[in-house]
Amino acid sequence: MSSDPGAPAGPRTVVVTGASAGLGYQTAEQLAVGGHRVVLATRDSGKAAAAERSIRSVVPDAQLEHVHLDLADLDSVRTAAAALGTLGPVHAVLNNAGVVGSRERRSTAQGHELQMGTNHLGHFAWTGLVLPLLQDTGGRVVHLGSISHRWVTLDRHDALGAGHYNGYRQYARSKLAVMLFGFELAQRLADGGSAVSSVVAHPGLALDSLTEAAGTGTPAVGSSRSEPAWIGPGQRFVAQGKDAGAVPLVHASVGDDVRSGEYWGPDGWFQLRGRATVVPAEPRAHDRHEAARLWAASEAASGVTFALDALG
């Protein structure tokens, strides 16, 4: 895959979950600008249509498709994976969608805590189901990590659990789970001799308020979430727009210099902002014992198993 989204190596098909707002939208737009075919995998068809209009205001001839995907419903995940298989070759899947910071505990359609169930478990099942499509192209999975993984550990009694519920802690736990899964998947794919790669990337501290629109369409796409009041003063010194935050995600999805098992993010102070580069993750995100515990719990909860031996 090309390190420049617009390089003449030829267009790729990249699936972006949660592509109708925030980082997902910015990533989809940048990929379209680079000439890539983008599949918008979203749960709201109206917002997907608005995102498509916005992208086309910047790239009139953009190659866009839509797949309905609700990661908080494992039945929807299965249906979406089957639908994706009808759209032709897939070269990369960016697992971007997520929910964050619910004050009250909420549940997925199958009864799992919403943030862990959406951000990790839904993507775990989705990845397992679409992996054969990536095997056909030697493609890659990109997982959206977060600097918040630095401050938490998984619930020691239940890897998918919330324990005494705290919304912000559970969001961070869900992101640690995403990263444990992404790095462990890279190891297991390599062990199985698969050509598929697994990469983790993060946007730093990316804010809607600092985002610069590439064209007239971007403002029509709503913010993905509210931003804390404390970030207002001096925000440009510690944060960047979601357009800049999407750059590591785009590069992780189509860059030729990206290798399986890497972690891409901003190169600045505390990885909050800057240019895309390989960055370090905390050792806890590479803990294979925890990853195995999480993997087993995720297979049991989702009913999706990874036939990695068959991919080699």
C-alpha atoms as a PDB file:
ATOM      1  CA  MET A   1       0.000   0.000   0.000  1.00  0.00           C
ATOM      2  CA  SER A   2       1.203   3.495  -0.781  1.00  0.00           C
ATOM      3  CA  SER A   3       2.571   5.815   1.917  1.00  0.00           C
ATOM      4  CA  ASP A   4       0.900   8.697   0.054  1.00  0.00           C
ATOM      5  CA  PRO A   5      -2.899   8.376  -0.237  1.00  0.00           C
ATOM      6  CA  GLY A   6      -2.658  10.037  -3.645  1.00  0.00           C
ATOM      7  CA  ALA A   7       0.312   8.057  -4.996  1.00  0.00           C
ATOM      8  CA  PRO A   8      -0.051   6.329  -8.386  1.00  0.00           C
ATOM      9  CA  ALA A   9       0.010   2.802  -6.941  1.00  0.00           C
ATOM     10  CA  GLY A  10      -3.705   2.618  -7.660  1.00  0.00           C
ATOM     11  CA  PRO A  11      -6.837   3.151  -5.591  1.00  0.00           C
ATOM     12  CA  ARG A  12      -7.548   0.982  -2.585  1.00  0.00           C
ATOM     13  CA  THR A  13     -10.869   0.116  -1.011  1.00  0.00           C
ATOM     14  CA  VAL A  14     -10.898   1.162   2.632  1.00  0.00           C
ATOM     15  CA  VAL A  15     -13.809   0.502   4.976  1.00  0.00           C
ATOM     16  CA  VAL A  16     -14.234   3.133   7.702  1.00  0.00           C
ATOM     17  CA  THR A  17     -16.571   2.380  10.587  1.00  0.00           C
ATOM     18  CA  GLY A  18     -18.241   5.432  12.055  1.00  0.00           C
ATOM     19  CA  ALA A  19     -17.511   7.435   8.902  1.00  0.00           C
ATOM     20  CA  SER A  20     -20.389   9.903   9.253  1.00  0.00           C
ATOM     21  CA  ALA A  21     -18.817  12.257  11.838  1.00  0.00           C
ATOM     22  CA  GLY A  22     -15.629  13.284  13.591  1.00  0.00           C
ATOM     23  CA  LEU A  23     -12.442  11.384  12.891  1.00  0.00           C
ATOM     24  CA  GLY A  24     -14.225   8.807  10.777  1.00  0.00           C
ATOM     25  CA  TYR A  25     -15.573  11.465   8.452  1.00  0.00           C
ATOM     26  CA  GLN A  26     -12.249  13.287   8.211  1.00  0.00           C
ATOM     27  CA  THR A  27     -10.472  10.016   7.424  1.00  0.00           C
ATOM     28  CA  ALA A  28     -13.025   9.086   4.772  1.00  0.00           C
ATOM     29  CA  GLU A  29     -12.735  12.501   3.142  1.00  0.00           C
ATOM     30  CA  GLN A  30      -8.918  12.383   3.076  1.00  0.00           C
ATOM     31  CA  LEU A  31      -8.963   8.892   1.584  1.00  0.00           C
ATOM     32  CA  ALA A  32     -11.394  10.049  -1.095  1.00  0.00           C
ATOM     33  CA  VAL A  33      -9.176  13.051  -1.856  1.00  0.00           C
ATOM     34  CA  GLY A  34      -6.343  10.541  -2.360  1.00  0.00           C
ATOM     35  CA  GLY A  35      -8.373   8.655  -4.952  1.00  0.00           C
ATOM     36  CA  HIS A  36      -9.289   5.687  -2.782  1.00  0.00           C
ATOM     37  CA  ARG A  37     -12.658   3.956  -2.788  1.00  0.00           C
ATOM     38  CA  VAL A  38     -14.280   4.348   0.623  1.00  0.00           C
ATOM     39  CA  VAL A  39     -16.990   2.231   2.218  1.00  0.00           C
ATOM     40  CA  LEU A  40     -18.862   4.232   4.862  1.00  0.00           C
ATOM     41  CA  ALA A  41     -19.874   1.721   7.524  1.00  0.00           C
ATOM     42  CA  THR A  42     -22.380   3.531   9.723  1.00  0.00           C
ATOM     43  CA  ARG A  43     -25.520   2.866  11.726  1.00  0.00           C
ATOM     44  CA  ASP A  44     -27.484   5.937  10.565  1.00  0.00           C
ATOM     45  CA  SER A  45     -28.312   6.010   6.856  1.00  0.00           C
ATOM     46  CA  GLY A  46     -29.292   9.675   7.010  1.00  0.00           C
ATOM     47  CA  LYS A  47     -25.946  10.694   8.461  1.00  0.00           C
ATOM     48  CA  ALA A  48     -24.178   8.476   5.945  1.00  0.00           C
ATOM     49  CA  ALA A  49     -25.982  10.289   3.137  1.00  0.00           C
ATOM     50  CA  ALA A  50     -24.949  13.655   4.626  1.00  0.00           C
ATOM     51  CA  ALA A  51     -21.342  12.467   4.850  1.00  0.00           C
ATOM     52  CA  GLU A  52     -21.457  11.327   1.238  1.00  0.00           C
ATOM     53  CA  ARG A  53     -22.762  14.734   0.135  1.00  0.00           C
ATOM     54  CA  SER A  54     -20.029  16.455   2.132  1.00  0.00           C
ATOM     55  CA  ILE A  55     -17.298  14.301   0.610  1.00  0.00           C
ATOM     56  CA  ARG A  56     -18.650  14.868  -2.884  1.00  0.00           C
ATOM     57  CA  SER A  57     -18.565  18.620  -2.324  1.00  0.00           C
ATOM     58  CA  VAL A  58     -14.794  18.193  -2.004  1.00  0.00           C
ATOM     59  CA  VAL A  59     -14.314  15.232  -4.393  1.00  0.00           C
ATOM     60  CA  PRO A  60     -17.179  15.223  -6.910  1.00  0.00           C
ATOM     61  CA  ASP A  61     -16.136  11.903  -8.452  1.00  0.00           C
ATOM     62  CA  ALA A  62     -15.443  10.138  -5.146  1.00  0.00           C
ATOM     63  CA  GLN A  63     -15.976   6.374  -5.165  1.00  0.00           C
ATOM     64  CA  LEU A  64     -18.226   5.783  -2.164  1.00  0.00           C
ATOM     65  CA  GLU A  65     -20.290   2.886  -0.871  1.00  0.00           C
ATOM     66  CA  HIS A  66     -22.381   2.465   2.269  1.00  0.00           C
ATOM     67  CA  VAL A  67     -22.885  -0.502   4.578  1.00  0.00           C
ATOM     68  CA  HIS A  68     -25.303  -0.343   7.493  1.00  0.00           C
ATOM     69  CA  LEU A  69     -23.381  -1.313  10.637  1.00  0.00           C
ATOM     70  CA  ASP A  70     -24.485  -0.993  14.257  1.00  0.00           C
ATOM     71  CA  LEU A  71     -21.591  -2.218  16.366  1.00  0.00           C
ATOM     72  CA  ALA A  72     -23.793  -2.303  19.458  1.00  0.00           C
ATOM     73  CA  ASP A  73     -25.824  -5.119  17.900  1.00  0.00           C
ATOM     74  CA  LEU A  74     -23.971  -8.306  16.988  1.00  0.00           C
ATOM     75  CA  ASP A  75     -26.781  -9.331  14.627  1.00  0.00           C
ATOM     76  CA  SER A  76     -26.181  -6.115  12.673  1.00  0.00           C
ATOM     77  CA  VAL A  77     -22.455  -6.840  12.667  1.00  0.00           C
ATOM     78  CA  ARG A  78     -23.045 -10.207  11.013  1.00  0.00           C
ATOM     79  CA  THR A  79     -25.398  -8.726   8.421  1.00  0.00           C
ATOM     80  CA  ALA A  80     -22.963  -5.912   7.626  1.00  0.00           C
ATOM     81  CA  ALA A  81     -20.048  -8.304   7.197  1.00  0.00           C
ATOM     82  CA  ALA A  82     -22.079 -10.350   4.725  1.00  0.00           C
ATOM     83  CA  ALA A  83     -23.048  -7.174   2.831  1.00  0.00           C
ATOM     84  CA  LEU A  84     -19.430  -6.044   2.657  1.00  0.00           C
ATOM     85  CA  GLY A  85     -18.546  -9.306   0.961  1.00  0.00           C
ATOM     86  CA  THR A  86     -20.720  -8.320  -2.021  1.00  0.00           C
ATOM     87  CA  LEU A  87     -18.875  -5.052  -2.719  1.00  0.00           C
ATOM     88  CA  GLY A  88     -15.682  -6.431  -4.230  1.00  0.00           C
ATOM     89  CA  PRO A  89     -12.087  -6.424  -2.958  1.00  0.00           C
ATOM     90  CA  VAL A  90     -11.336  -4.843   0.418  1.00  0.00           C
ATOM     91  CA  HIS A  91      -7.799  -3.668   1.152  1.00  0.00           C
ATOM     92  CA  ALA A  92      -8.149  -2.127   4.604  1.00  0.00           C
ATOM     93  CA  VAL A  93     -10.676  -1.896   7.413  1.00  0.00           C
ATOM     94  CA  LEU A  94     -10.387   1.027   9.834  1.00  0.00           C
ATOM     95  CA  ASN A  95     -12.185   0.214  13.077  1.00  0.00           C
ATOM     96  CA  ASN A  96     -12.879   3.804  14.091  1.00  0.00           C
ATOM     97  CA  ALA A  97     -16.460   3.949  15.400  1.00  0.00           C
ATOM     98  CA  GLY A  98     -17.141   4.189  19.094  1.00  0.00           C
ATOM     99  CA  VAL A  99     -19.025   5.704  21.995  1.00  0.00           C
ATOM    100  CA  VAL A 100     -17.414   7.604  24.837  1.00  0.00           C
ATOM    101  CA  GLY A 101     -17.958   8.675  28.419  1.00  0.00           C
ATOM    102  CA  SER A 102     -21.572   7.652  29.128  1.00  0.00           C
ATOM    103  CA  ARG A 103     -22.476   8.966  32.582  1.00  0.00           C
ATOM    104  CA  GLU A 104     -24.965   6.190  33.157  1.00  0.00           C
ATOM    105  CA  ARG A 105     -24.329   2.567  32.385  1.00  0.00           C
ATOM    106  CA  ARG A 106     -25.984   1.535  29.135  1.00  0.00           C
ATOM    107  CA  SER A 107     -26.112  -1.776  27.310  1.00  0.00           C
ATOM    108  CA  THR A 108     -25.782  -3.173  23.794  1.00  0.00           C
ATOM    109  CA  ALA A 109     -28.538  -5.180  22.141  1.00  0.00           C
ATOM    110  CA  GLN A 110     -26.997  -8.340  23.642  1.00  0.00           C
ATOM    111  CA  GLY A 111     -26.672  -6.849  27.143  1.00  0.00           C
ATOM    112  CA  HIS A 112     -22.977  -5.955  27.254  1.00  0.00           C
ATOM    113  CA  GLU A 113     -21.802  -2.634  28.702  1.00  0.00           C
ATOM    114  CA  LEU A 114     -22.178  -0.184  25.813  1.00  0.00           C
ATOM    115  CA  GLN A 115     -18.676   1.279  25.537  1.00  0.00           C
ATOM    116  CA  MET A 116     -16.825  -2.026  25.803  1.00  0.00           C
ATOM    117  CA  GLY A 117     -19.514  -3.704  23.733  1.00  0.00           C
ATOM    118  CA  THR A 118     -19.270  -1.168  20.911  1.00  0.00           C
ATOM    119  CA  ASN A 119     -15.671   0.004  20.887  1.00  0.00           C
ATOM    120  CA  HIS A 120     -14.105  -3.425  21.392  1.00  0.00           C
ATOM    121  CA  LEU A 121     -16.535  -6.343  21.226  1.00  0.00           C
ATOM    122  CA  GLY A 122     -18.462  -5.166  18.170  1.00  0.00           C
ATOM    123  CA  HIS A 123     -15.207  -4.507  16.324  1.00  0.00           C
ATOM    124  CA  PHE A 124     -13.774  -7.831  17.491  1.00  0.00           C
ATOM    125  CA  ALA A 125     -16.712  -9.680  15.923  1.00  0.00           C
ATOM    126  CA  TRP A 126     -16.656  -7.484  12.808  1.00  0.00           C
ATOM    127  CA  THR A 127     -12.932  -8.094  12.313  1.00  0.00           C
ATOM    128  CA  GLY A 128     -13.265 -11.845  12.656  1.00  0.00           C
ATOM    129  CA  LEU A 129     -16.080 -11.923  10.120  1.00  0.00           C
ATOM    130  CA  VAL A 130     -14.391  -9.731   7.470  1.00  0.00           C
ATOM    131  CA  LEU A 131     -10.891 -11.158   7.892  1.00  0.00           C
ATOM    132  CA  PRO A 132     -11.249 -13.549   4.924  1.00  0.00           C
ATOM    133  CA  LEU A 133     -11.897 -10.528   2.651  1.00  0.00           C
ATOM    134  CA  LEU A 134      -8.600  -9.005   3.763  1.00  0.00           C
ATOM    135  CA  GLN A 135      -6.805 -12.308   3.291  1.00  0.00           C
ATOM    136  CA  ASP A 136      -7.800 -12.202  -0.373  1.00  0.00           C
ATOM    137  CA  THR A 137      -5.952  -8.873  -0.834  1.00  0.00           C
ATOM    138  CA  GLY A 138      -3.182  -9.148   1.755  1.00  0.00           C
ATOM    139  CA  GLY A 139      -4.858  -6.190   3.443  1.00  0.00           C
ATOM    140  CA  ARG A 140      -4.819  -4.765   6.915  1.00  0.00           C
ATOM    141  CA  VAL A 141      -6.944  -4.006   9.936  1.00  0.00           C
ATOM    142  CA  VAL A 142      -6.412  -0.654  11.656  1.00  0.00           C
ATOM    143  CA  HIS A 143      -7.642  -0.305  15.237  1.00  0.00           C
ATOM    144  CA  LEU A 144      -8.344   3.098  16.810  1.00  0.00           C
ATOM    145  CA  GLY A 145      -6.368   3.323  20.032  1.00  0.00           C
ATOM    146  CA  SER A 146      -6.165   6.164  22.536  1.00  0.00           C
ATOM    147  CA  ILE A 147      -3.700   7.770  24.917  1.00  0.00           C
ATOM    148  CA  SER A 148      -6.263   6.984  27.637  1.00  0.00           C
ATOM    149  CA  HIS A 149      -5.001   3.367  27.695  1.00  0.00           C
ATOM    150  CA  ARG A 150      -2.124   4.606  29.875  1.00  0.00           C
ATOM    151  CA  TRP A 151      -4.204   4.986  33.014  1.00  0.00           C
ATOM    152  CA  VAL A 152      -6.337   1.854  33.305  1.00  0.00           C
ATOM    153  CA  THR A 153      -6.299  -1.917  33.481  1.00  0.00           C
ATOM    154  CA  LEU A 154      -9.084  -4.315  32.535  1.00  0.00           C
ATOM    155  CA  ASP A 155     -11.473  -5.521  35.206  1.00  0.00           C
ATOM    156  CA  ARG A 156      -9.604  -8.399  36.870  1.00  0.00           C
ATOM    157  CA  HIS A 157     -12.737 -10.519  37.297  1.00  0.00           C
ATOM    158  CA  ASP A 158     -14.250  -9.958  33.840  1.00  0.00           C
ATOM    159  CA  ALA A 159     -12.145  -8.682  30.935  1.00  0.00           C
ATOM    160  CA  LEU A 160     -15.267  -7.198  29.332  1.00  0.00           C
ATOM    161  CA  GLY A 161     -16.766  -5.984  32.574  1.00  0.00           C
ATOM    162  CA  ALA A 162     -17.199  -2.559  34.118  1.00  0.00           C
ATOM    163  CA  GLY A 163     -17.204  -3.394  37.821  1.00  0.00           C
ATOM    164  CA  HIS A 164     -18.273  -0.299  39.776  1.00  0.00           C
ATOM    165  CA  TYR A 165     -19.256   1.791  36.764  1.00  0.00           C
ATOM    166  CA  ASN A 166     -17.387   4.953  35.829  1.00  0.00           C
ATOM    167  CA  GLY A 167     -18.008   6.154  32.280  1.00  0.00           C
ATOM    168  CA  TYR A 168     -14.606   7.696  31.622  1.00  0.00           C
ATOM    169  CA  ARG A 169     -12.721   4.762  33.131  1.00  0.00           C
ATOM    170  CA  GLN A 170     -14.784   2.336  31.095  1.00  0.00           C
ATOM    171  CA  TYR A 171     -14.068   4.268  27.907  1.00  0.00           C
ATOM    172  CA  ALA A 172     -10.343   4.025  28.641  1.00  0.00           C
ATOM    173  CA  ARG A 173     -10.722   0.318  29.395  1.00  0.00           C
ATOM    174  CA  SER A 174     -12.490  -0.189  26.080  1.00  0.00           C
ATOM    175  CA  LYS A 175      -9.581   1.496  24.305  1.00  0.00           C
ATOM    176  CA  LEU A 176      -7.039  -0.613  26.164  1.00  0.00           C
ATOM    177  CA  ALA A 177      -9.044  -3.639  25.016  1.00  0.00           C
ATOM    178  CA  VAL A 178      -8.941  -2.369  21.417  1.00  0.00           C
ATOM    179  CA  MET A 179      -5.165  -2.050  21.612  1.00  0.00           C
ATOM    180  CA  LEU A 180      -4.614  -5.408  23.311  1.00  0.00           C
ATOM    181  CA  PHE A 181      -6.696  -7.004  20.572  1.00  0.00           C
ATOM    182  CA  GLY A 182      -4.909  -5.134  17.769  1.00  0.00           C
ATOM    183  CA  PHE A 183      -1.406  -6.036  18.911  1.00  0.00           C
ATOM    184  CA  GLU A 184      -2.365  -9.625  19.741  1.00  0.00           C
ATOM    185  CA  LEU A 185      -4.025 -10.034  16.353  1.00  0.00           C
ATOM    186  CA  ALA A 186      -0.770  -8.950  14.703  1.00  0.00           C
ATOM    187  CA  GLN A 187       1.086 -11.683  16.611  1.00  0.00           C
ATOM    188  CA  ARG A 188      -1.456 -14.388  15.804  1.00  0.00           C
ATOM    189  CA  LEU A 189      -1.635 -13.453  12.124  1.00  0.00           C
ATOM    190  CA  ALA A 190       2.150 -13.661  11.881  1.00  0.00           C
ATOM    191  CA  ASP A 191       2.189 -16.996  13.713  1.00  0.00           C
ATOM    192  CA  GLY A 192      -0.419 -18.326  11.282  1.00  0.00           C
ATOM    193  CA  GLY A 193       1.551 -17.206   8.234  1.00  0.00           C
ATOM    194  CA  SER A 194      -1.142 -14.775   7.107  1.00  0.00           C
ATOM    195  CA  ALA A 195      -0.394 -11.863   4.785  1.00  0.00           C
ATOM    196  CA  VAL A 196      -2.956  -9.725   6.642  1.00  0.00           C
ATOM    197  CA  SER A 197      -1.519  -7.068   8.944  1.00  0.00           C
ATOM    198  CA  SER A 198      -2.933  -5.542  12.113  1.00  0.00           C
ATOM    199  CA  VAL A 199      -1.995  -1.996  13.075  1.00  0.00           C
ATOM    200  CA  VAL A 200      -3.056   0.333  15.895  1.00  0.00           C
ATOM    201  CA  ALA A 201      -3.278   4.094  15.413  1.00  0.00           C
ATOM    202  CA  HIS A 202      -4.478   7.071  17.427  1.00  0.00           C
ATOM    203  CA  PRO A 203      -5.264  10.741  16.662  1.00  0.00           C
ATOM    204  CA  GLY A 204      -3.753  12.433  19.703  1.00  0.00           C
ATOM    205  CA  LEU A 205      -6.041  15.036  21.261  1.00  0.00           C
ATOM    206  CA  ALA A 206      -8.211  15.889  18.259  1.00  0.00           C
ATOM    207  CA  LEU A 207     -10.994  18.461  18.619  1.00  0.00           C
ATOM    208  CA  ASP A 208     -13.865  19.456  16.353  1.00  0.00           C
ATOM    209  CA  SER A 209     -13.315  23.110  17.318  1.00  0.00           C
ATOM    210  CA  LEU A 210      -9.847  23.097  15.718  1.00  0.00           C
ATOM    211  CA  THR A 211     -10.821  21.208  12.593  1.00  0.00           C
ATOM    212  CA  GLU A 212     -10.199  22.931   9.279  1.00  0.00           C
ATOM    213  CA  ALA A 213     -12.667  22.062   6.520  1.00  0.00           C
ATOM    214  CA  ALA A 214     -11.240  20.879   3.208  1.00  0.00           C
ATOM    215  CA  GLY A 215     -14.352  22.113   1.398  1.00  0.00           C
ATOM    216  CA  THR A 216     -17.851  23.442   1.877  1.00  0.00           C
ATOM    217  CA  GLY A 217     -19.327  20.127   2.924  1.00  0.00           C
ATOM    218  CA  THR A 218     -17.536  19.363   6.188  1.00  0.00           C
ATOM    219  CA  PRO A 219     -19.533  21.769   8.402  1.00  0.00           C
ATOM    220  CA  ALA A 220     -22.727  19.925   7.417  1.00  0.00           C
ATOM    221  CA  VAL A 221     -21.453  16.868   9.264  1.00  0.00           C
ATOM    222  CA  GLY A 222     -22.112  17.068  12.992  1.00  0.00           C
ATOM    223  CA  SER A 223     -19.576  16.775  15.782  1.00  0.00           C
ATOM    224  CA  SER A 224     -18.995  13.262  17.028  1.00  0.00           C
ATOM    225  CA  ARG A 225     -19.152  14.301  20.702  1.00  0.00           C
ATOM    226  CA  SER A 226     -19.060  17.301  23.013  1.00  0.00           C
ATOM    227  CA  GLU A 227     -15.706  18.623  24.181  1.00  0.00           C
ATOM    228  CA  PRO A 228     -14.772  19.366  27.803  1.00  0.00           C
ATOM    229  CA  ALA A 229     -14.823  23.024  28.884  1.00  0.00           C
ATOM    230  CA  TRP A 230     -11.337  22.797  30.391  1.00  0.00           C
ATOM    231  CA  ILE A 231      -9.770  22.292  26.991  1.00  0.00           C
ATOM    232  CA  GLY A 232     -10.804  25.762  25.759  1.00  0.00           C
ATOM    233  CA  PRO A 233      -7.947  27.999  26.945  1.00  0.00           C
ATOM    234  CA  GLY A 234      -4.732  27.383  25.056  1.00  0.00           C
ATOM    235  CA  GLN A 235      -6.173  24.409  23.194  1.00  0.00           C
ATOM    236  CA  ARG A 236      -4.031  24.997  20.115  1.00  0.00           C
ATOM    237  CA  PHE A 237      -0.899  24.367  22.182  1.00  0.00           C
ATOM    238  CA  VAL A 238      -1.995  20.897  23.299  1.00  0.00           C
ATOM    239  CA  ALA A 239      -4.485  19.726  20.686  1.00  0.00           C
ATOM    240  CA  GLN A 240      -5.181  19.638  16.963  1.00  0.00           C
ATOM    241  CA  GLY A 241      -8.195  19.453  14.705  1.00  0.00           C
ATOM    242  CA  LYS A 242      -9.788  16.191  13.716  1.00  0.00           C
ATOM    243  CA  ASP A 243      -8.532  16.762  10.189  1.00  0.00           C
ATOM    244  CA  ALA A 244      -4.967  16.573  11.559  1.00  0.00           C
ATOM    245  CA  GLY A 245      -5.914  13.763  13.942  1.00  0.00           C
ATOM    246  CA  ALA A 246      -7.123  11.707  10.987  1.00  0.00           C
ATOM    247  CA  VAL A 247      -3.715  11.808   9.284  1.00  0.00           C
ATOM    248  CA  PRO A 248      -2.188   8.934  11.347  1.00  0.00           C
ATOM    249  CA  LEU A 249      -5.334   6.898  10.687  1.00  0.00           C
ATOM    250  CA  VAL A 250      -5.138   7.481   6.941  1.00  0.00           C
ATOM    251  CA  HIS A 251      -1.447   6.655   6.890  1.00  0.00           C
ATOM    252  CA  ALA A 252      -1.959   3.506   8.960  1.00  0.00           C
ATOM    253  CA  SER A 253      -4.647   2.434   6.476  1.00  0.00           C
ATOM    254  CA  VAL A 254      -2.761   2.939   3.200  1.00  0.00           C
ATOM    255  CA  GLY A 255       0.900   3.692   3.957  1.00  0.00           C
ATOM    256  CA  ASP A 256       3.508   1.489   2.292  1.00  0.00           C
ATOM    257  CA  ASP A 257       5.903   1.902   5.209  1.00  0.00           C
ATOM    258  CA  VAL A 258       3.380   0.632   7.781  1.00  0.00           C
ATOM    259  CA  ARG A 259       4.192  -2.752   9.331  1.00  0.00           C
ATOM    260  CA  SER A 260       1.978  -5.154  11.238  1.00  0.00           C
ATOM    261  CA  GLY A 261       2.102  -4.653  14.990  1.00  0.00           C
ATOM    262  CA  GLU A 262       3.027  -0.960  14.799  1.00  0.00           C
ATOM    263  CA  TYR A 263       1.370   1.893  16.680  1.00  0.00           C
ATOM    264  CA  TRP A 264       0.944   5.136  14.732  1.00  0.00           C
ATOM    265  CA  GLY A 265       0.155   8.531  16.219  1.00  0.00           C
ATOM    266  CA  PRO A 266       1.310  12.162  16.468  1.00  0.00           C
ATOM    267  CA  ASP A 267       5.016  12.802  17.083  1.00  0.00           C
ATOM    268  CA  GLY A 268       4.563  15.774  19.429  1.00  0.00           C
ATOM    269  CA  TRP A 269       4.662  16.214  23.204  1.00  0.00           C
ATOM    270  CA  PHE A 270       2.802  13.417  24.987  1.00  0.00           C
ATOM    271  CA  GLN A 271       1.569  12.314  21.517  1.00  0.00           C
ATOM    272  CA  LEU A 272      -1.159  14.965  21.735  1.00  0.00           C
ATOM    273  CA  ARG A 273      -0.488  16.555  18.348  1.00  0.00           C
ATOM    274  CA  GLY A 274       2.011  16.496  15.504  1.00  0.00           C
ATOM    275  CA  ARG A 275       2.961  14.588  12.402  1.00  0.00           C
ATOM    276  CA  ALA A 276       2.179  10.901  11.912  1.00  0.00           C
ATOM    277  CA  THR A 277       4.893   8.520  13.050  1.00  0.00           C
ATOM    278  CA  VAL A 278       5.406   5.228  14.891  1.00  0.00           C
ATOM    279  CA  VAL A 279       4.957   5.879  18.610  1.00  0.00           C
ATOM    280  CA  PRO A 280       5.322   3.728  21.741  1.00  0.00           C
ATOM    281  CA  ALA A 281       2.375   2.237  23.603  1.00  0.00           C
ATOM    282  CA  GLU A 282       2.382   1.338  27.286  1.00  0.00           C
ATOM    283  CA  PRO A 283       3.585  -2.204  28.083  1.00  0.00           C
ATOM    284  CA  ARG A 284       0.095  -3.042  29.362  1.00  0.00           C
ATOM    285  CA  ALA A 285      -1.174  -2.807  25.768  1.00  0.00           C
ATOM    286  CA  HIS A 286       1.286  -5.544  24.770  1.00  0.00           C
ATOM    287  CA  ASP A 287       0.545  -7.884  27.702  1.00  0.00           C
ATOM    288  CA  ARG A 288      -0.105 -11.205  25.974  1.00  0.00           C
ATOM    289  CA  HIS A 289      -1.546 -12.809  29.101  1.00  0.00           C
ATOM    290  CA  GLU A 290      -4.174 -10.073  29.345  1.00  0.00           C
ATOM    291  CA  ALA A 291      -4.722 -10.222  25.598  1.00  0.00           C
ATOM    292  CA  ALA A 292      -5.391 -13.963  25.781  1.00  0.00           C
ATOM    293  CA  ARG A 293      -7.858 -13.446  28.647  1.00  0.00           C
ATOM    294  CA  LEU A 294      -9.620 -10.731  26.659  1.00  0.00           C
ATOM    295  CA  TRP A 295      -9.606 -12.793  23.454  1.00  0.00           C
ATOM    296  CA  ALA A 296     -11.240 -15.785  25.132  1.00  0.00           C
ATOM    297  CA  ALA A 297     -13.901 -13.597  26.758  1.00  0.00           C
ATOM    298  CA  SER A 298     -14.562 -11.836  23.442  1.00  0.00           C
ATOM    299  CA  GLU A 299     -14.994 -15.068  21.500  1.00  0.00           C
ATOM    300  CA  ALA A 300     -17.396 -16.381  24.143  1.00  0.00           C
ATOM    301  CA  ALA A 301     -19.416 -13.157  24.240  1.00  0.00           C
ATOM    302  CA  SER A 302     -19.586 -12.600  20.482  1.00  0.00           C
ATOM    303  CA  GLY A 303     -19.797 -16.153  19.197  1.00  0.00           C
ATOM    304  CA  VAL A 304     -17.140 -15.251  16.607  1.00  0.00           C
ATOM    305  CA  THR A 305     -13.948 -17.286  16.417  1.00  0.00           C
ATOM    306  CA  PHE A 306     -10.905 -16.508  14.306  1.00  0.00           C
ATOM    307  CA  ALA A 307      -9.828 -19.353  12.010  1.00  0.00           C
ATOM    308  CA  LEU A 308      -6.299 -17.980  11.790  1.00  0.00           C
ATOM    309  CA  ASP A 309      -4.716 -21.302  10.848  1.00  0.00           C
ATOM    310  CA  ALA A 310      -6.821 -21.362   7.696  1.00  0.00           C
ATOM    311  CA  LEU A 311      -5.513 -17.955   6.592  1.00  0.00           C
ATOM    312  CA  GLY A 312      -1.884 -18.964   6.137  1.00  0.00           C
END
